[in-house]
N, C-alpha and C. Protein backbone atom coordinates (compact mmCIF):
# COMPACT_ATOMS: atom_id res chain seq x y z
N MET A 1 75.89 97.98 113.32
CA MET A 1 75.03 98.17 112.66
C MET A 1 73.55 97.21 112.71
N LEU A 2 72.81 98.40 112.11
CA LEU A 2 71.30 98.18 112.89
C LEU A 2 70.89 98.26 111.37
N VAL A 3 70.37 97.42 111.28
CA VAL A 3 69.12 96.56 109.83
C VAL A 3 67.48 96.85 110.34
N ARG A 4 66.93 97.73 109.98
CA ARG A 4 65.45 97.46 110.31
C ARG A 4 64.84 96.54 108.86
N LYS A 5 63.60 95.56 109.42
CA LYS A 5 62.76 94.62 108.72
C LYS A 5 61.43 95.25 108.79
N LYS A 6 60.39 95.34 107.70
CA LYS A 6 59.42 96.07 108.03
C LYS A 6 58.48 94.36 108.47
N ILE A 7 57.89 94.18 109.40
CA ILE A 7 56.67 93.94 109.62
C ILE A 7 54.95 93.40 109.58
N GLY A 8 54.97 94.49 109.40
CA GLY A 8 53.59 94.76 109.80
C GLY A 8 53.39 96.07 108.85
N LYS A 9 52.76 97.17 109.20
CA LYS A 9 52.11 98.47 108.09
C LYS A 9 52.76 99.25 109.34
N ARG A 10 52.45 99.05 110.82
CA ARG A 10 53.16 100.94 111.47
C ARG A 10 54.76 99.74 112.87
N LYS A 11 54.77 98.41 112.49
CA LYS A 11 55.56 98.25 113.33
C LYS A 11 56.85 97.85 112.37
N ASP A 12 58.58 98.55 112.69
CA ASP A 12 59.29 97.16 112.36
C ASP A 12 61.08 96.68 113.09
N LYS A 13 60.64 95.58 112.64
CA LYS A 13 61.58 95.47 114.01
C LYS A 13 63.64 95.79 113.28
N ILE A 14 63.84 95.11 114.64
CA ILE A 14 65.14 96.29 114.17
C ILE A 14 66.25 95.53 115.02
N LEU A 15 66.92 94.29 114.12
CA LEU A 15 67.59 93.38 113.50
C LEU A 15 69.42 94.19 113.89
N HIS A 16 69.91 92.96 115.19
CA HIS A 16 71.23 93.94 114.92
C HIS A 16 72.04 93.26 114.27
N ALA A 17 72.54 93.24 113.24
CA ALA A 17 73.71 92.81 112.24
C ALA A 17 74.94 92.76 113.22
N LYS A 18 75.86 91.76 113.45
CA LYS A 18 77.24 91.64 113.49
C LYS A 18 78.20 91.63 113.11
N GLU A 19 79.81 92.41 113.52
CA GLU A 19 80.03 92.99 113.44
C GLU A 19 81.89 92.29 112.89
N GLU A 20 82.09 91.96 111.98
CA GLU A 20 82.56 90.79 111.26
C GLU A 20 84.65 91.70 111.73
N LYS A 21 85.06 90.40 112.28
CA LYS A 21 86.55 90.85 112.80
C LYS A 21 87.28 90.68 112.23
N TYR A 22 87.30 90.21 111.30
CA TYR A 22 88.13 89.61 110.05
C TYR A 22 87.84 89.73 108.67
N ASP A 23 88.11 90.98 107.98
CA ASP A 23 87.19 90.57 106.40
C ASP A 23 88.81 91.15 105.31
N PHE A 24 88.90 91.56 105.29
CA PHE A 24 90.97 91.63 105.01
C PHE A 24 90.76 90.36 103.53
N LEU A 25 90.12 88.91 102.96
CA LEU A 25 89.73 88.10 102.39
C LEU A 25 88.69 88.95 101.61
N LYS A 26 88.22 89.77 101.80
CA LYS A 26 87.32 90.18 100.32
C LYS A 26 87.90 91.18 99.86
N HIS A 27 89.07 90.81 99.29
CA HIS A 27 89.53 91.54 98.32
C HIS A 27 90.62 91.07 97.57
N TRP A 28 90.87 89.65 98.55
CA TRP A 28 91.75 88.35 97.73
C TRP A 28 91.74 88.40 96.17
N ALA A 29 90.30 88.11 95.40
CA ALA A 29 90.23 88.08 93.90
C ALA A 29 91.18 89.25 93.38
N VAL A 30 90.76 90.32 93.38
CA VAL A 30 91.33 91.92 93.19
C VAL A 30 92.53 91.72 93.53
N VAL A 31 93.19 90.91 94.73
CA VAL A 31 94.49 91.47 94.88
C VAL A 31 95.62 90.48 94.21
N ARG A 32 94.73 89.11 94.27
CA ARG A 32 95.10 87.57 93.26
C ARG A 32 95.21 88.59 91.62
N ARG A 33 94.84 88.50 90.99
CA ARG A 33 95.11 89.17 89.86
C ARG A 33 95.15 90.53 89.35
N TRP A 34 95.86 91.24 90.31
CA TRP A 34 96.68 92.00 90.32
C TRP A 34 97.88 91.55 90.09
N ALA A 35 97.90 90.70 91.62
CA ALA A 35 99.44 90.45 91.41
C ALA A 35 99.72 89.01 89.88
N ILE A 36 99.04 88.64 89.06
CA ILE A 36 99.08 87.89 88.36
C ILE A 36 99.61 87.96 87.04
N TYR A 37 98.70 89.64 87.12
CA TYR A 37 99.26 90.49 86.29
C TYR A 37 100.19 91.34 85.61
N ASN A 38 100.66 91.87 86.74
CA ASN A 38 101.94 92.87 87.36
C ASN A 38 102.82 91.83 87.04
N TYR A 39 103.11 90.68 88.26
CA TYR A 39 103.81 89.79 87.88
C TYR A 39 105.00 88.76 87.26
N ASN A 40 103.00 88.92 85.96
CA ASN A 40 103.75 88.29 85.10
C ASN A 40 103.02 86.55 85.02
N LEU A 41 102.76 86.47 86.10
CA LEU A 41 102.67 85.08 86.81
C LEU A 41 101.76 84.33 85.84
N LYS A 42 102.15 82.50 85.43
CA LYS A 42 101.36 81.81 84.04
C LYS A 42 99.75 81.94 84.63
N SER A 43 99.47 81.75 86.24
CA SER A 43 98.62 81.09 86.94
C SER A 43 97.75 81.43 88.26
N SER A 44 97.24 80.91 88.59
CA SER A 44 97.25 81.83 90.26
C SER A 44 97.39 80.04 90.61
N ALA A 45 97.75 79.26 89.92
CA ALA A 45 98.25 78.44 90.73
C ALA A 45 99.36 78.42 91.58
N ASP A 46 100.38 79.23 90.04
CA ASP A 46 101.74 79.87 90.90
C ASP A 46 101.35 80.28 92.33
N LEU A 47 101.07 81.89 91.97
CA LEU A 47 100.56 82.60 93.01
C LEU A 47 100.99 81.79 93.89
N ASP A 48 100.05 80.95 93.75
CA ASP A 48 98.86 79.18 95.22
C ASP A 48 100.78 79.03 95.26
N MET A 49 101.48 78.75 95.12
CA MET A 49 103.23 77.98 94.78
C MET A 49 103.52 78.63 95.68
N LEU A 50 104.14 80.14 94.91
CA LEU A 50 104.65 81.26 95.88
C LEU A 50 104.39 81.50 97.21
N LEU A 51 102.69 81.53 97.58
CA LEU A 51 102.68 81.98 99.09
C LEU A 51 103.04 80.69 100.02
N PHE A 52 102.71 79.90 99.67
CA PHE A 52 102.97 78.27 100.40
C PHE A 52 104.41 78.58 100.89
N LEU A 53 105.38 78.56 99.44
CA LEU A 53 106.67 78.64 100.01
C LEU A 53 107.27 80.23 100.16
N TYR A 54 106.75 81.04 101.09
CA TYR A 54 106.58 81.73 101.15
C TYR A 54 107.19 82.06 102.69
N SER A 55 106.44 80.67 103.06
CA SER A 55 106.91 80.53 104.99
C SER A 55 107.43 79.69 104.72
N GLU A 56 108.03 78.59 103.81
CA GLU A 56 108.73 77.63 103.89
C GLU A 56 110.44 78.49 104.14
N LYS A 57 110.87 79.75 103.48
CA LYS A 57 112.04 79.58 103.95
C LYS A 57 112.74 78.81 103.02
N LEU A 58 113.68 77.88 103.60
CA LEU A 58 113.81 77.27 102.25
C LEU A 58 113.83 75.77 102.20
N PHE A 59 113.90 75.26 101.08
CA PHE A 59 112.85 73.80 100.54
C PHE A 59 113.67 73.50 99.78
N THR A 60 113.30 71.66 99.07
CA THR A 60 114.23 71.59 98.41
C THR A 60 112.88 70.97 96.97
N ARG A 61 112.99 70.81 96.00
CA ARG A 61 112.87 70.23 95.04
C ARG A 61 111.09 68.78 94.60
N SER A 62 111.83 68.87 96.51
CA SER A 62 110.96 67.38 96.68
C SER A 62 109.83 68.44 97.81
N LYS A 63 109.97 68.80 98.56
CA LYS A 63 109.22 69.94 99.76
C LYS A 63 108.47 70.31 97.87
N PHE A 64 108.08 71.18 97.29
CA PHE A 64 107.94 71.32 96.14
C PHE A 64 107.15 70.56 95.61
N ALA A 65 107.48 69.68 95.52
CA ALA A 65 106.77 68.64 94.68
C ALA A 65 105.90 68.17 95.25
N ASP A 66 105.87 68.29 96.90
CA ASP A 66 104.74 67.99 97.76
C ASP A 66 103.35 68.80 98.11
N TYR A 67 103.73 69.98 97.66
CA TYR A 67 102.59 70.71 97.71
C TYR A 67 101.98 70.88 95.99
N ALA A 68 102.82 70.89 95.40
CA ALA A 68 102.65 71.31 93.96
C ALA A 68 101.40 69.52 93.63
N CYS A 69 100.97 68.93 94.69
CA CYS A 69 100.19 67.53 94.73
C CYS A 69 98.48 68.07 94.64
N PHE A 70 98.57 69.64 95.41
CA PHE A 70 97.10 69.91 95.28
C PHE A 70 96.71 71.04 94.54
N MET A 71 97.45 70.76 93.67
CA MET A 71 97.00 71.97 92.47
C MET A 71 97.44 70.61 90.59
N PRO A 72 97.01 72.60 89.96
CA PRO A 72 96.53 71.55 88.73
C PRO A 72 98.20 71.00 88.28
N TRP A 73 97.69 69.66 87.90
CA TRP A 73 99.64 69.67 87.39
C TRP A 73 100.03 70.06 86.47
N GLU A 74 101.76 70.75 86.72
CA GLU A 74 102.07 70.85 85.36
C GLU A 74 103.74 70.67 85.57
N LYS A 75 104.06 69.80 84.90
CA LYS A 75 105.61 69.50 84.78
C LYS A 75 106.71 70.25 85.07
N THR A 76 106.31 71.48 84.70
CA THR A 76 107.51 72.64 84.28
C THR A 76 106.91 73.77 85.70
N ARG A 77 106.11 73.42 86.37
CA ARG A 77 106.14 75.14 86.98
C ARG A 77 107.55 75.28 87.60
N PHE A 78 107.96 74.10 88.13
CA PHE A 78 109.13 74.24 89.07
C PHE A 78 110.80 75.26 88.14
N ASP A 79 110.65 74.41 86.98
CA ASP A 79 111.62 74.86 86.25
C ASP A 79 111.44 76.88 85.72
N ARG A 80 109.92 76.69 84.98
CA ARG A 80 109.52 78.48 85.01
C ARG A 80 110.49 79.19 85.78
N LEU A 81 109.61 78.30 87.09
CA LEU A 81 109.81 79.84 88.67
C LEU A 81 110.37 79.77 88.64
N LEU A 82 111.98 78.42 88.35
CA LEU A 82 113.67 79.14 88.86
C LEU A 82 113.91 80.45 87.45
N ARG A 83 113.37 79.81 86.60
CA ARG A 83 113.43 80.48 85.17
C ARG A 83 113.78 81.81 84.77
N ASP A 84 112.38 82.77 85.60
CA ASP A 84 111.70 83.18 85.69
C ASP A 84 112.20 84.37 86.73
N GLY A 85 112.79 83.61 87.62
CA GLY A 85 113.69 84.41 88.66
C GLY A 85 112.30 84.25 89.49
N PHE A 86 111.15 83.30 90.52
CA PHE A 86 111.01 83.52 91.08
C PHE A 86 111.12 82.78 92.20
N VAL A 87 112.42 81.74 91.87
CA VAL A 87 112.34 81.03 92.56
C VAL A 87 113.79 81.21 93.10
N ILE A 88 115.80 81.12 93.82
CA ILE A 88 116.70 80.78 93.59
C ILE A 88 117.50 80.02 94.55
N ILE A 89 118.56 79.31 93.70
CA ILE A 89 118.83 78.97 94.86
C ILE A 89 120.35 78.70 95.21
N TRP A 90 119.83 78.30 96.96
CA TRP A 90 120.93 78.90 97.95
C TRP A 90 121.91 78.04 97.78
N ARG A 91 121.24 76.86 98.65
CA ARG A 91 122.40 76.03 98.38
C ARG A 91 123.07 74.66 96.76
N LYS A 92 124.30 75.31 96.98
CA LYS A 92 124.20 73.78 95.54
C LYS A 92 124.41 72.70 96.58
N LYS A 93 124.16 71.40 95.38
CA LYS A 93 123.58 69.93 95.68
C LYS A 93 125.47 69.99 96.72
N GLY A 94 125.75 69.44 97.17
CA GLY A 94 126.55 68.01 97.27
C GLY A 94 127.19 67.08 97.70
N ILE A 95 127.84 66.77 98.19
CA ILE A 95 127.56 65.10 98.02
C ILE A 95 127.00 64.41 99.22
N GLY A 96 126.15 63.51 99.42
CA GLY A 96 124.50 63.55 99.88
C GLY A 96 123.70 64.53 100.17
N GLU A 97 124.00 65.57 99.48
CA GLU A 97 123.04 66.60 99.91
C GLU A 97 121.98 67.24 98.36
N SER A 98 120.94 67.92 98.97
CA SER A 98 120.58 68.41 97.40
C SER A 98 120.03 70.03 97.62
N ASN A 99 119.69 70.49 96.34
CA ASN A 99 119.68 71.73 96.27
C ASN A 99 118.90 72.00 96.52
N LEU A 100 119.49 73.42 98.20
CA LEU A 100 118.40 74.22 98.49
C LEU A 100 117.44 75.21 97.42
N TYR A 101 116.95 75.35 97.64
CA TYR A 101 116.47 77.15 97.33
C TYR A 101 115.03 77.57 98.11
N GLN A 102 114.84 79.25 97.63
CA GLN A 102 114.66 80.40 98.46
C GLN A 102 113.87 81.52 97.54
N LEU A 103 112.29 81.38 98.01
CA LEU A 103 112.21 82.96 97.13
C LEU A 103 112.72 83.83 96.90
N SER A 104 113.29 84.56 95.79
CA SER A 104 114.26 85.35 95.67
C SER A 104 113.42 86.69 95.43
N PHE A 105 114.23 87.75 96.33
CA PHE A 105 113.72 89.18 96.87
C PHE A 105 112.38 89.91 96.15
N SER A 106 112.74 89.82 94.65
CA SER A 106 110.80 90.30 93.96
C SER A 106 110.38 89.53 94.41
N ALA A 107 110.09 87.90 94.33
CA ALA A 107 109.08 87.48 94.26
C ALA A 107 108.33 87.78 96.09
N LYS A 108 110.01 87.76 97.57
CA LYS A 108 109.36 87.89 98.30
C LYS A 108 108.73 89.66 98.77
N LYS A 109 109.17 90.60 98.19
CA LYS A 109 108.99 91.52 97.85
C LYS A 109 106.65 91.49 97.71
N MET A 110 107.01 90.55 96.37
CA MET A 110 105.37 90.53 96.20
C MET A 110 104.49 90.23 96.94
N ILE A 111 105.08 89.50 97.36
CA ILE A 111 104.46 88.80 98.58
C ILE A 111 103.86 89.40 99.85
N ALA A 112 105.06 89.95 100.18
CA ALA A 112 104.53 91.21 101.30
C ALA A 112 103.18 92.72 100.95
N SER A 113 103.78 92.84 99.93
CA SER A 113 103.05 93.91 98.89
C SER A 113 101.62 93.27 99.01
N MET A 114 101.44 92.30 98.43
CA MET A 114 100.05 91.61 98.38
C MET A 114 99.33 91.37 100.45
N TYR A 115 100.10 91.29 101.17
CA TYR A 115 99.47 91.01 102.17
C TYR A 115 99.45 93.11 102.87
N ARG A 116 100.09 93.71 102.50
CA ARG A 116 99.64 94.95 103.35
C ARG A 116 97.85 95.43 101.91
N LYS A 117 98.26 94.83 101.30
CA LYS A 117 96.86 95.48 100.12
C LYS A 117 96.06 94.48 100.98
N LEU A 118 95.76 93.88 101.33
CA LEU A 118 94.89 92.38 102.19
C LEU A 118 94.85 93.37 102.86
N LEU A 119 95.37 93.57 103.96
CA LEU A 119 95.24 94.41 105.32
C LEU A 119 94.96 95.51 105.10
N GLY A 120 94.83 96.64 103.74
CA GLY A 120 94.93 97.88 103.71
C GLY A 120 95.36 98.58 104.16
N LEU A 121 96.78 98.95 104.33
CA LEU A 121 97.89 99.24 105.32
C LEU A 121 98.32 99.64 103.86
N GLU A 122 98.28 99.33 102.94
CA GLU A 122 99.09 99.38 100.96
C GLU A 122 97.98 99.54 100.02
N PRO A 123 97.88 100.96 99.46
CA PRO A 123 96.58 101.64 98.66
C PRO A 123 97.43 100.21 97.27
N PHE A 124 96.83 100.30 96.26
CA PHE A 124 97.01 99.80 94.63
C PHE A 124 97.43 100.73 94.26
N PRO A 125 98.65 100.92 93.39
CA PRO A 125 98.68 102.08 93.20
C PRO A 125 98.33 102.10 91.49
N GLU A 126 98.39 103.79 91.10
CA GLU A 126 96.65 103.69 90.36
C GLU A 126 97.68 104.46 88.68
N THR A 127 98.65 104.19 88.39
CA THR A 127 99.45 105.34 87.53
C THR A 127 99.84 103.90 86.49
N ALA A 128 99.85 103.82 85.36
CA ALA A 128 100.35 102.65 84.01
C ALA A 128 101.72 102.37 84.37
N ARG A 129 102.15 103.84 85.04
CA ARG A 129 103.91 103.31 85.40
C ARG A 129 104.34 102.34 86.15
N ARG A 130 103.36 102.25 87.16
CA ARG A 130 103.79 101.56 88.66
C ARG A 130 102.62 100.13 88.22
N ASN A 131 101.78 100.33 87.39
CA ASN A 131 100.31 99.08 87.12
C ASN A 131 100.28 98.47 85.99
N ASN A 132 100.57 97.81 85.21
CA ASN A 132 99.74 97.29 84.78
C ASN A 132 98.96 97.70 84.13
N VAL A 133 97.55 97.32 84.35
CA VAL A 133 96.72 97.50 84.20
C VAL A 133 96.03 98.30 84.09
N PHE A 134 96.83 99.44 84.30
CA PHE A 134 96.67 101.79 83.86
C PHE A 134 96.53 102.47 82.78
N LYS A 135 97.55 100.71 81.42
CA LYS A 135 98.21 100.93 80.90
C LYS A 135 96.56 101.70 79.46
N PRO A 136 96.84 102.11 78.72
CA PRO A 136 96.08 102.63 77.73
C PRO A 136 96.19 101.18 76.38
N ASN A 137 97.05 100.70 76.40
CA ASN A 137 95.94 99.92 75.86
C ASN A 137 96.44 98.08 76.82
N ALA A 138 95.38 98.43 77.99
CA ALA A 138 95.20 96.81 78.49
C ALA A 138 94.03 96.49 78.70
N SER A 139 93.88 94.82 77.75
CA SER A 139 92.11 94.72 78.02
C SER A 139 91.40 94.35 78.47
N PHE A 140 89.95 93.97 77.72
CA PHE A 140 89.22 94.40 78.77
C PHE A 140 89.50 93.99 79.83
N SER A 141 89.43 92.81 80.21
CA SER A 141 89.67 92.57 82.21
C SER A 141 90.55 92.98 82.24
N GLU A 142 91.27 93.85 81.91
CA GLU A 142 92.42 94.46 82.93
C GLU A 142 91.89 95.79 83.39
N LYS A 143 90.67 96.41 81.97
CA LYS A 143 90.32 97.46 82.49
C LYS A 143 89.68 97.10 83.58
N THR A 144 88.86 96.38 83.65
CA THR A 144 87.62 96.58 84.96
C THR A 144 88.42 95.89 86.00
N LEU A 145 89.44 95.60 86.10
CA LEU A 145 90.06 95.00 87.03
C LEU A 145 90.59 96.34 88.41
N ALA A 146 91.45 97.38 87.19
CA ALA A 146 91.74 98.02 87.22
C ALA A 146 90.22 99.10 87.63
N GLN A 147 88.98 99.06 87.17
CA GLN A 147 87.93 99.67 87.80
C GLN A 147 87.83 99.53 89.77
N ALA A 148 87.78 98.59 89.82
CA ALA A 148 88.10 97.51 90.72
C ALA A 148 89.00 98.08 91.91
N ILE A 149 90.18 98.35 91.18
CA ILE A 149 90.92 98.83 92.61
C ILE A 149 91.45 100.14 92.31
N LYS A 150 90.38 100.46 91.79
CA LYS A 150 90.13 101.89 92.25
C LYS A 150 88.18 102.09 93.48
N ARG A 151 87.87 101.30 92.74
CA ARG A 151 86.62 101.34 94.73
C ARG A 151 87.57 100.49 95.84
N ILE A 152 88.22 99.94 95.51
CA ILE A 152 88.36 99.65 97.15
C ILE A 152 89.45 100.69 97.75
N ASN A 153 90.45 101.33 96.22
CA ASN A 153 91.38 102.37 97.32
C ASN A 153 90.38 103.75 97.64
N ASN A 154 89.23 103.07 96.73
CA ASN A 154 88.71 104.96 97.85
C ASN A 154 87.48 104.28 98.92
N ASP A 155 87.19 103.16 98.83
CA ASP A 155 87.16 102.27 99.85
C ASP A 155 87.81 102.12 101.67
N PHE A 156 89.24 102.01 100.91
CA PHE A 156 90.11 102.38 102.03
C PHE A 156 91.01 103.88 102.89
N ARG A 157 90.55 104.80 101.84
CA ARG A 157 90.87 106.35 101.89
C ARG A 157 89.54 106.76 103.13
N GLU A 158 88.02 105.90 102.57
CA GLU A 158 87.08 106.46 103.32
C GLU A 158 87.22 105.75 104.90
N ARG A 159 88.10 104.66 104.82
CA ARG A 159 87.69 103.23 106.18
C ARG A 159 89.13 104.22 106.89
N LYS A 160 89.98 104.90 106.27
CA LYS A 160 91.02 105.65 107.25
C LYS A 160 91.06 106.67 108.08
N GLN A 161 89.75 107.78 106.74
CA GLN A 161 88.58 109.03 108.02
C GLN A 161 88.13 109.16 108.71
N ARG A 162 87.51 107.53 108.72
CA ARG A 162 86.27 107.22 109.90
C ARG A 162 87.01 107.12 110.99
N PRO A 163 86.71 107.20 112.23
CA PRO A 163 87.00 107.22 113.58
C PRO A 163 87.56 105.67 113.84
N SER A 164 87.64 105.02 114.53
CA SER A 164 87.65 103.26 115.47
C SER A 164 87.08 103.71 115.83
N PRO A 165 85.67 102.24 115.95
CA PRO A 165 84.26 102.31 116.85
C PRO A 165 85.73 102.43 118.35
N GLU A 166 86.29 101.64 118.13
CA GLU A 166 87.56 100.97 119.59
C GLU A 166 87.02 102.24 120.37
């Protein structure tokens, strides 16, 4: 990518801009808000916790509490995620053991979909049936998110059509 900079009346200086190797977090805010609206999460802290637990596979309630120290304090977060079906019991406690938990299938599917969207492997759905922000009764913030989703999908389509520089 070349950038031209005027340094005088007749001279241009050509600057070379470095191509960034990784830019998939560019759309993180849109992906995060999309997940919160479509999966009825209470806050981005819930999503952060689910992202942490995604790589943990099996965890105890104390492991959950250790990571919760880095988030806004909410006493009922674990119980709410369990009640809403994002966390399930993998093993009931026994003598000298504690309960083991894991993310539910739908929570794992949600996070895998978020990763695919960030990497540009999967577009956002643009129908009201599959994406709550495209519903006719959506709020103003959901409508602005829908516009951002359309721009991102167009960007990904253009990127796929361009030949790879390598």
